Amino acid sequence: MNQHRVFDVTALDDMFADLPKTLSPEQAAELFGVTVITIRNLITKHSDDPLPAIKIGKVWVILRDDFKAWLLRRSNNITD
């Protein structure tokens, strides 16, 4: 039987509270303990709901609040 997990939004609020308003892929990768390649793939190759980011020249910029909203959307799709 599939059940939705309860996601602790306050933990996410705490995690994002002290972050700058913009993050680089490197900062996002460090925050979640994944590689920069993983973050870039989430930005460019995750067709259903890509990680929102803006490319300025050759540099990707992830807006903190967009990143948090993306994580919350994805947490609603987690099932056991």
PDB file of N, CA and C in Angstrom:
ATOM      1  N   MET A   1       0.847  -1.173   0.000  1.00  0.00           N
ATOM      2  CA  MET A   1       0.000   0.000   0.000  1.00  0.00           C
ATOM      3  C   MET A   1       0.894   1.238   0.000  1.00  0.00           C
ATOM      4  N   ASN A   2       0.602   2.163  -0.910  1.00  0.00           N
ATOM      5  CA  ASN A   2       1.364   3.409  -0.979  1.00  0.00           C
ATOM      6  C   ASN A   2       0.807   4.426  -0.006  1.00  0.00           C
ATOM      7  N   GLN A   3       1.704   5.030   0.738  1.00  0.00           N
ATOM      8  CA  GLN A   3       1.318   6.090   1.667  1.00  0.00           C
ATOM      9  C   GLN A   3       2.258   7.263   1.454  1.00  0.00           C
ATOM     10  N   HIS A   4       1.732   8.466   1.594  1.00  0.00           N
ATOM     11  CA  HIS A   4       2.586   9.648   1.501  1.00  0.00           C
ATOM     12  C   HIS A   4       3.376   9.793   2.785  1.00  0.00           C
ATOM     13  N   ARG A   5       4.665  10.068   2.631  1.00  0.00           N
ATOM     14  CA  ARG A   5       5.499  10.364   3.788  1.00  0.00           C
ATOM     15  C   ARG A   5       5.167  11.766   4.283  1.00  0.00           C
ATOM     16  N   VAL A   6       5.340  11.971   5.549  1.00  0.00           N
ATOM     17  CA  VAL A   6       5.161  13.303   6.112  1.00  0.00           C
ATOM     18  C   VAL A   6       6.502  14.010   6.013  1.00  0.00           C
ATOM     19  N   PHE A   7       6.506  15.134   5.330  1.00  0.00           N
ATOM     20  CA  PHE A   7       7.734  15.894   5.123  1.00  0.00           C
ATOM     21  C   PHE A   7       7.769  17.043   6.105  1.00  0.00           C
ATOM     22  N   ASP A   8       8.867  17.177   6.826  1.00  0.00           N
ATOM     23  CA  ASP A   8       9.014  18.226   7.828  1.00  0.00           C
ATOM     24  C   ASP A   8       9.437  19.531   7.153  1.00  0.00           C
ATOM     25  N   VAL A   9       8.450  20.360   6.844  1.00  0.00           N
ATOM     26  CA  VAL A   9       8.706  21.630   6.158  1.00  0.00           C
ATOM     27  C   VAL A   9       9.549  22.560   7.016  1.00  0.00           C
ATOM     28  N   THR A  10       9.417  22.492   8.324  1.00  0.00           N
ATOM     29  CA  THR A  10      10.208  23.379   9.183  1.00  0.00           C
ATOM     30  C   THR A  10      11.701  23.078   9.060  1.00  0.00           C
ATOM     31  N   ALA A  11      12.050  21.822   8.836  1.00  0.00           N
ATOM     32  CA  ALA A  11      13.462  21.480   8.634  1.00  0.00           C
ATOM     33  C   ALA A  11      13.985  22.132   7.360  1.00  0.00           C
ATOM     34  N   LEU A  12      13.157  22.150   6.327  1.00  0.00           N
ATOM     35  CA  LEU A  12      13.543  22.803   5.083  1.00  0.00           C
ATOM     36  C   LEU A  12      13.649  24.310   5.281  1.00  0.00           C
ATOM     37  N   ASP A  13      12.710  24.871   6.024  1.00  0.00           N
ATOM     38  CA  ASP A  13      12.769  26.305   6.345  1.00  0.00           C
ATOM     39  C   ASP A  13      14.073  26.636   7.053  1.00  0.00           C
ATOM     40  N   ASP A  14      14.442  25.811   8.028  1.00  0.00           N
ATOM     41  CA  ASP A  14      15.688  26.028   8.773  1.00  0.00           C
ATOM     42  C   ASP A  14      16.906  25.935   7.859  1.00  0.00           C
ATOM     43  N   MET A  15      16.891  24.954   6.955  1.00  0.00           N
ATOM     44  CA  MET A  15      18.016  24.740   6.051  1.00  0.00           C
ATOM     45  C   MET A  15      18.216  25.948   5.125  1.00  0.00           C
ATOM     46  N   PHE A  16      17.119  26.525   4.673  1.00  0.00           N
ATOM     47  CA  PHE A  16      17.195  27.610   3.701  1.00  0.00           C
ATOM     48  C   PHE A  16      17.289  28.997   4.338  1.00  0.00           C
ATOM     49  N   ALA A  17      17.035  29.112   5.633  1.00  0.00           N
ATOM     50  CA  ALA A  17      16.953  30.415   6.301  1.00  0.00           C
ATOM     51  C   ALA A  17      18.216  31.254   6.160  1.00  0.00           C
ATOM     52  N   ASP A  18      19.358  30.645   6.286  1.00  0.00           N
ATOM     53  CA  ASP A  18      20.612  31.409   6.273  1.00  0.00           C
ATOM     54  C   ASP A  18      21.325  31.395   4.927  1.00  0.00           C
ATOM     55  N   LEU A  19      20.692  30.826   3.912  1.00  0.00           N
ATOM     56  CA  LEU A  19      21.329  30.777   2.599  1.00  0.00           C
ATOM     57  C   LEU A  19      21.208  32.123   1.889  1.00  0.00           C
ATOM     58  N   PRO A  20      22.166  32.416   1.025  1.00  0.00           N
ATOM     59  CA  PRO A  20      22.036  33.629   0.214  1.00  0.00           C
ATOM     60  C   PRO A  20      20.865  33.488  -0.753  1.00  0.00           C
ATOM     61  N   LYS A  21      20.429  34.599  -1.331  1.00  0.00           N
ATOM     62  CA  LYS A  21      19.266  34.574  -2.226  1.00  0.00           C
ATOM     63  C   LYS A  21      19.545  33.837  -3.528  1.00  0.00           C
ATOM     64  N   THR A  22      20.806  33.705  -3.886  1.00  0.00           N
ATOM     65  CA  THR A  22      21.170  32.934  -5.071  1.00  0.00           C
ATOM     66  C   THR A  22      22.226  31.903  -4.696  1.00  0.00           C
ATOM     67  N   LEU A  23      22.182  30.779  -5.397  1.00  0.00           N
ATOM     68  CA  LEU A  23      23.140  29.698  -5.181  1.00  0.00           C
ATOM     69  C   LEU A  23      23.750  29.294  -6.513  1.00  0.00           C
ATOM     70  N   SER A  24      24.981  28.902  -6.466  1.00  0.00           N
ATOM     71  CA  SER A  24      25.613  28.300  -7.643  1.00  0.00           C
ATOM     72  C   SER A  24      25.308  26.798  -7.603  1.00  0.00           C
ATOM     73  N   PRO A  25      25.461  26.108  -8.722  1.00  0.00           N
ATOM     74  CA  PRO A  25      25.314  24.653  -8.688  1.00  0.00           C
ATOM     75  C   PRO A  25      26.263  23.995  -7.680  1.00  0.00           C
ATOM     76  N   GLU A  26      27.447  24.577  -7.520  1.00  0.00           N
ATOM     77  CA  GLU A  26      28.415  24.034  -6.563  1.00  0.00           C
ATOM     78  C   GLU A  26      27.892  24.159  -5.129  1.00  0.00           C
ATOM     79  N   GLN A  27      27.294  25.300  -4.806  1.00  0.00           N
ATOM     80  CA  GLN A  27      26.733  25.491  -3.466  1.00  0.00           C
ATOM     81  C   GLN A  27      25.559  24.546  -3.218  1.00  0.00           C
ATOM     82  N   ALA A  28      24.699  24.388  -4.217  1.00  0.00           N
ATOM     83  CA  ALA A  28      23.553  23.487  -4.084  1.00  0.00           C
ATOM     84  C   ALA A  28      24.028  22.045  -3.907  1.00  0.00           C
ATOM     85  N   ALA A  29      25.044  21.672  -4.648  1.00  0.00           N
ATOM     86  CA  ALA A  29      25.593  20.317  -4.533  1.00  0.00           C
ATOM     87  C   ALA A  29      26.160  20.067  -3.141  1.00  0.00           C
ATOM     88  N   GLU A  30      26.895  21.033  -2.633  1.00  0.00           N
ATOM     89  CA  GLU A  30      27.473  20.895  -1.290  1.00  0.00           C
ATOM     90  C   GLU A  30      26.380  20.802  -0.233  1.00  0.00           C
ATOM     91  N   LEU A  31      25.356  21.619  -0.376  1.00  0.00           N
ATOM     92  CA  LEU A  31      24.251  21.634   0.584  1.00  0.00           C
ATOM     93  C   LEU A  31      23.588  20.265   0.706  1.00  0.00           C
ATOM     94  N   PHE A  32      23.418  19.575  -0.423  1.00  0.00           N
ATOM     95  CA  PHE A  32      22.705  18.299  -0.413  1.00  0.00           C
ATOM     96  C   PHE A  32      23.615  17.083  -0.524  1.00  0.00           C
ATOM     97  N   GLY A  33      24.910  17.295  -0.546  1.00  0.00           N
ATOM     98  CA  GLY A  33      25.841  16.172  -0.558  1.00  0.00           C
ATOM     99  C   GLY A  33      25.801  15.362  -1.843  1.00  0.00           C
ATOM    100  N   VAL A  34      25.602  16.062  -2.967  1.00  0.00           N
ATOM    101  CA  VAL A  34      25.619  15.398  -4.267  1.00  0.00           C
ATOM    102  C   VAL A  34      26.674  16.083  -5.130  1.00  0.00           C
ATOM    103  N   THR A  35      26.890  15.557  -6.315  1.00  0.00           N
ATOM    104  CA  THR A  35      27.881  16.160  -7.198  1.00  0.00           C
ATOM    105  C   THR A  35      27.277  17.338  -7.963  1.00  0.00           C
ATOM    106  N   VAL A  36      28.155  18.179  -8.460  1.00  0.00           N
ATOM    107  CA  VAL A  36      27.723  19.302  -9.293  1.00  0.00           C
ATOM    108  C   VAL A  36      27.051  18.767 -10.556  1.00  0.00           C
ATOM    109  N   ILE A  37      27.545  17.646 -11.068  1.00  0.00           N
ATOM    110  CA  ILE A  37      26.939  17.032 -12.250  1.00  0.00           C
ATOM    111  C   ILE A  37      25.484  16.661 -11.973  1.00  0.00           C
ATOM    112  N   THR A  38      25.198  16.152 -10.793  1.00  0.00           N
ATOM    113  CA  THR A  38      23.820  15.820 -10.433  1.00  0.00           C
ATOM    114  C   THR A  38      22.943  17.065 -10.465  1.00  0.00           C
ATOM    115  N   ILE A  39      23.412  18.146  -9.880  1.00  0.00           N
ATOM    116  CA  ILE A  39      22.634  19.394  -9.878  1.00  0.00           C
ATOM    117  C   ILE A  39      22.427  19.890 -11.308  1.00  0.00           C
ATOM    118  N   ARG A  40      23.469  19.874 -12.118  1.00  0.00           N
ATOM    119  CA  ARG A  40      23.327  20.334 -13.510  1.00  0.00           C
ATOM    120  C   ARG A  40      22.372  19.443 -14.300  1.00  0.00           C
ATOM    121  N   ASN A  41      22.398  18.155 -14.025  1.00  0.00           N
ATOM    122  CA  ASN A  41      21.443  17.256 -14.679  1.00  0.00           C
ATOM    123  C   ASN A  41      20.019  17.558 -14.237  1.00  0.00           C
ATOM    124  N   LEU A  42      19.824  17.882 -12.968  1.00  0.00           N
ATOM    125  CA  LEU A  42      18.480  18.245 -12.492  1.00  0.00           C
ATOM    126  C   LEU A  42      17.991  19.532 -13.159  1.00  0.00           C
ATOM    127  N   ILE A  43      18.915  20.413 -13.485  1.00  0.00           N
ATOM    128  CA  ILE A  43      18.563  21.665 -14.159  1.00  0.00           C
ATOM    129  C   ILE A  43      18.231  21.409 -15.631  1.00  0.00           C
ATOM    130  N   THR A  44      19.070  20.632 -16.304  1.00  0.00           N
ATOM    131  CA  THR A  44      18.971  20.527 -17.765  1.00  0.00           C
ATOM    132  C   THR A  44      18.311  19.267 -18.295  1.00  0.00           C
ATOM    133  N   LYS A  45      18.279  18.187 -17.510  1.00  0.00           N
ATOM    134  CA  LYS A  45      17.812  16.910 -18.053  1.00  0.00           C
ATOM    135  C   LYS A  45      16.614  16.321 -17.343  1.00  0.00           C
ATOM    136  N   HIS A  46      16.065  17.011 -16.398  1.00  0.00           N
ATOM    137  CA  HIS A  46      14.898  16.507 -15.660  1.00  0.00           C
ATOM    138  C   HIS A  46      13.669  17.142 -16.303  1.00  0.00           C
ATOM    139  N   SER A  47      13.139  16.483 -17.329  1.00  0.00           N
ATOM    140  CA  SER A  47      12.133  17.109 -18.193  1.00  0.00           C
ATOM    141  C   SER A  47      10.788  17.376 -17.522  1.00  0.00           C
ATOM    142  N   ASP A  48      10.347  16.515 -16.596  1.00  0.00           N
ATOM    143  CA  ASP A  48       9.033  16.708 -15.975  1.00  0.00           C
ATOM    144  C   ASP A  48       8.987  17.948 -15.086  1.00  0.00           C
ATOM    145  N   ASP A  49      10.003  18.141 -14.307  1.00  0.00           N
ATOM    146  CA  ASP A  49      10.041  19.276 -13.378  1.00  0.00           C
ATOM    147  C   ASP A  49      11.501  19.622 -13.098  1.00  0.00           C
ATOM    148  N   PRO A  50      12.152  20.313 -14.038  1.00  0.00           N
ATOM    149  CA  PRO A  50      13.578  20.615 -13.834  1.00  0.00           C
ATOM    150  C   PRO A  50      13.793  21.558 -12.659  1.00  0.00           C
ATOM    151  N   LEU A  51      14.964  21.460 -12.071  1.00  0.00           N
ATOM    152  CA  LEU A  51      15.366  22.388 -11.026  1.00  0.00           C
ATOM    153  C   LEU A  51      15.437  23.774 -11.652  1.00  0.00           C
ATOM    154  N   PRO A  52      14.656  24.734 -11.157  1.00  0.00           N
ATOM    155  CA  PRO A  52      14.658  26.060 -11.772  1.00  0.00           C
ATOM    156  C   PRO A  52      15.990  26.768 -11.577  1.00  0.00           C
ATOM    157  N   ALA A  53      16.531  27.242 -12.678  1.00  0.00           N
ATOM    158  CA  ALA A  53      17.794  27.979 -12.641  1.00  0.00           C
ATOM    159  C   ALA A  53      17.833  28.921 -13.840  1.00  0.00           C
ATOM    160  N   ILE A  54      18.650  29.925 -13.719  1.00  0.00           N
ATOM    161  CA  ILE A  54      18.807  30.918 -14.773  1.00  0.00           C
ATOM    162  C   ILE A  54      20.248  30.845 -15.246  1.00  0.00           C
ATOM    163  N   LYS A  55      20.437  30.807 -16.550  1.00  0.00           N
ATOM    164  CA  LYS A  55      21.794  30.804 -17.079  1.00  0.00           C
ATOM    165  C   LYS A  55      22.153  32.225 -17.473  1.00  0.00           C
ATOM    166  N   ILE A  56      23.179  32.738 -16.844  1.00  0.00           N
ATOM    167  CA  ILE A  56      23.684  34.082 -17.122  1.00  0.00           C
ATOM    168  C   ILE A  56      25.074  33.899 -17.720  1.00  0.00           C
ATOM    169  N   GLY A  57      25.157  34.114 -19.011  1.00  0.00           N
ATOM    170  CA  GLY A  57      26.411  33.822 -19.699  1.00  0.00           C
ATOM    171  C   GLY A  57      26.651  32.325 -19.668  1.00  0.00           C
ATOM    172  N   LYS A  58      27.740  31.916 -19.046  1.00  0.00           N
ATOM    173  CA  LYS A  58      28.065  30.492 -18.923  1.00  0.00           C
ATOM    174  C   LYS A  58      27.786  29.949 -17.526  1.00  0.00           C
ATOM    175  N   VAL A  59      27.200  30.783 -16.673  1.00  0.00           N
ATOM    176  CA  VAL A  59      27.026  30.430 -15.264  1.00  0.00           C
ATOM    177  C   VAL A  59      25.541  30.207 -14.940  1.00  0.00           C
ATOM    178  N   TRP A  60      25.249  29.100 -14.266  1.00  0.00           N
ATOM    179  CA  TRP A  60      23.896  28.844 -13.776  1.00  0.00           C
ATOM    180  C   TRP A  60      23.717  29.497 -12.408  1.00  0.00           C
ATOM    181  N   VAL A  61      22.559  30.113 -12.204  1.00  0.00           N
ATOM    182  CA  VAL A  61      22.207  30.719 -10.924  1.00  0.00           C
ATOM    183  C   VAL A  61      20.875  30.113 -10.486  1.00  0.00           C
ATOM    184  N   ILE A  62      20.854  29.617  -9.268  1.00  0.00           N
ATOM    185  CA  ILE A  62      19.649  29.020  -8.693  1.00  0.00           C
ATOM    186  C   ILE A  62      19.121  29.982  -7.635  1.00  0.00           C
ATOM    187  N   LEU A  63      17.899  30.440  -7.816  1.00  0.00           N
ATOM    188  CA  LEU A  63      17.295  31.320  -6.822  1.00  0.00           C
ATOM    189  C   LEU A  63      16.852  30.489  -5.618  1.00  0.00           C
ATOM    190  N   ARG A  64      17.259  30.905  -4.452  1.00  0.00           N
ATOM    191  CA  ARG A  64      16.986  30.166  -3.216  1.00  0.00           C
ATOM    192  C   ARG A  64      15.504  29.811  -3.069  1.00  0.00           C
ATOM    193  N   ASP A  65      14.625  30.781  -3.251  1.00  0.00           N
ATOM    194  CA  ASP A  65      13.203  30.527  -3.036  1.00  0.00           C
ATOM    195  C   ASP A  65      12.621  29.587  -4.085  1.00  0.00           C
ATOM    196  N   ASP A  66      13.121  29.660  -5.337  1.00  0.00           N
ATOM    197  CA  ASP A  66      12.675  28.726  -6.378  1.00  0.00           C
ATOM    198  C   ASP A  66      13.146  27.310  -6.059  1.00  0.00           C
ATOM    199  N   PHE A  67      14.364  27.195  -5.542  1.00  0.00           N
ATOM    200  CA  PHE A  67      14.922  25.890  -5.171  1.00  0.00           C
ATOM    201  C   PHE A  67      14.080  25.267  -4.054  1.00  0.00           C
ATOM    202  N   LYS A  68      13.754  26.058  -3.064  1.00  0.00           N
ATOM    203  CA  LYS A  68      12.947  25.570  -1.945  1.00  0.00           C
ATOM    204  C   LYS A  68      11.563  25.131  -2.434  1.00  0.00           C
ATOM    205  N   ALA A  69      10.925  25.936  -3.280  1.00  0.00           N
ATOM    206  CA  ALA A  69       9.602  25.588  -3.808  1.00  0.00           C
ATOM    207  C   ALA A  69       9.678  24.299  -4.632  1.00  0.00           C
ATOM    208  N   TRP A  70      10.752  24.120  -5.401  1.00  0.00           N
ATOM    209  CA  TRP A  70      10.942  22.909  -6.197  1.00  0.00           C
ATOM    210  C   TRP A  70      11.056  21.685  -5.289  1.00  0.00           C
ATOM    211  N   LEU A  71      11.828  21.815  -4.216  1.00  0.00           N
ATOM    212  CA  LEU A  71      11.967  20.704  -3.273  1.00  0.00           C
ATOM    213  C   LEU A  71      10.624  20.362  -2.624  1.00  0.00           C
ATOM    214  N   LEU A  72       9.850  21.369  -2.281  1.00  0.00           N
ATOM    215  CA  LEU A  72       8.539  21.121  -1.676  1.00  0.00           C
ATOM    216  C   LEU A  72       7.611  20.409  -2.658  1.00  0.00           C
ATOM    217  N   ARG A  73       7.623  20.824  -3.927  1.00  0.00           N
ATOM    218  CA  ARG A  73       6.797  20.145  -4.939  1.00  0.00           C
ATOM    219  C   ARG A  73       7.207  18.694  -5.046  1.00  0.00           C
ATOM    220  N   ARG A  74       8.499  18.453  -5.095  1.00  0.00           N
ATOM    221  CA  ARG A  74       8.995  17.075  -5.254  1.00  0.00           C
ATOM    222  C   ARG A  74       8.708  16.244  -4.004  1.00  0.00           C
ATOM    223  N   SER A  75       8.718  16.860  -2.826  1.00  0.00           N
ATOM    224  CA  SER A  75       8.448  16.101  -1.610  1.00  0.00           C
ATOM    225  C   SER A  75       6.993  15.622  -1.567  1.00  0.00           C
ATOM    226  N   ASN A  76       6.108  16.301  -2.256  1.00  0.00           N
ATOM    227  CA  ASN A  76       4.722  15.880  -2.320  1.00  0.00           C
ATOM    228  C   ASN A  76       4.515  14.652  -3.180  1.00  0.00           C
ATOM    229  N   ASN A  77       5.527  14.276  -3.970  1.00  0.00           N
ATOM    230  CA  ASN A  77       5.429  13.110  -4.840  1.00  0.00           C
ATOM    231  C   ASN A  77       6.099  11.880  -4.261  1.00  0.00           C
ATOM    232  N   ILE A  78       6.646  11.961  -3.059  1.00  0.00           N
ATOM    233  CA  ILE A  78       7.342  10.831  -2.433  1.00  0.00           C
ATOM    234  C   ILE A  78       6.314   9.880  -1.830  1.00  0.00           C
ATOM    235  N   THR A  79       6.444   8.601  -2.204  1.00  0.00           N
ATOM    236  CA  THR A  79       5.577   7.582  -1.618  1.00  0.00           C
ATOM    237  C   THR A  79       6.411   6.414  -1.143  1.00  0.00           C
ATOM    238  N   ASP A  80       5.897   5.668  -0.214  1.00  0.00           N
ATOM    239  CA  ASP A  80       6.579   4.455   0.269  1.00  0.00           C
ATOM    240  C   ASP A  80       6.350   3.301  -0.678  1.00  0.00           C
TER     241      ASP A  80
END
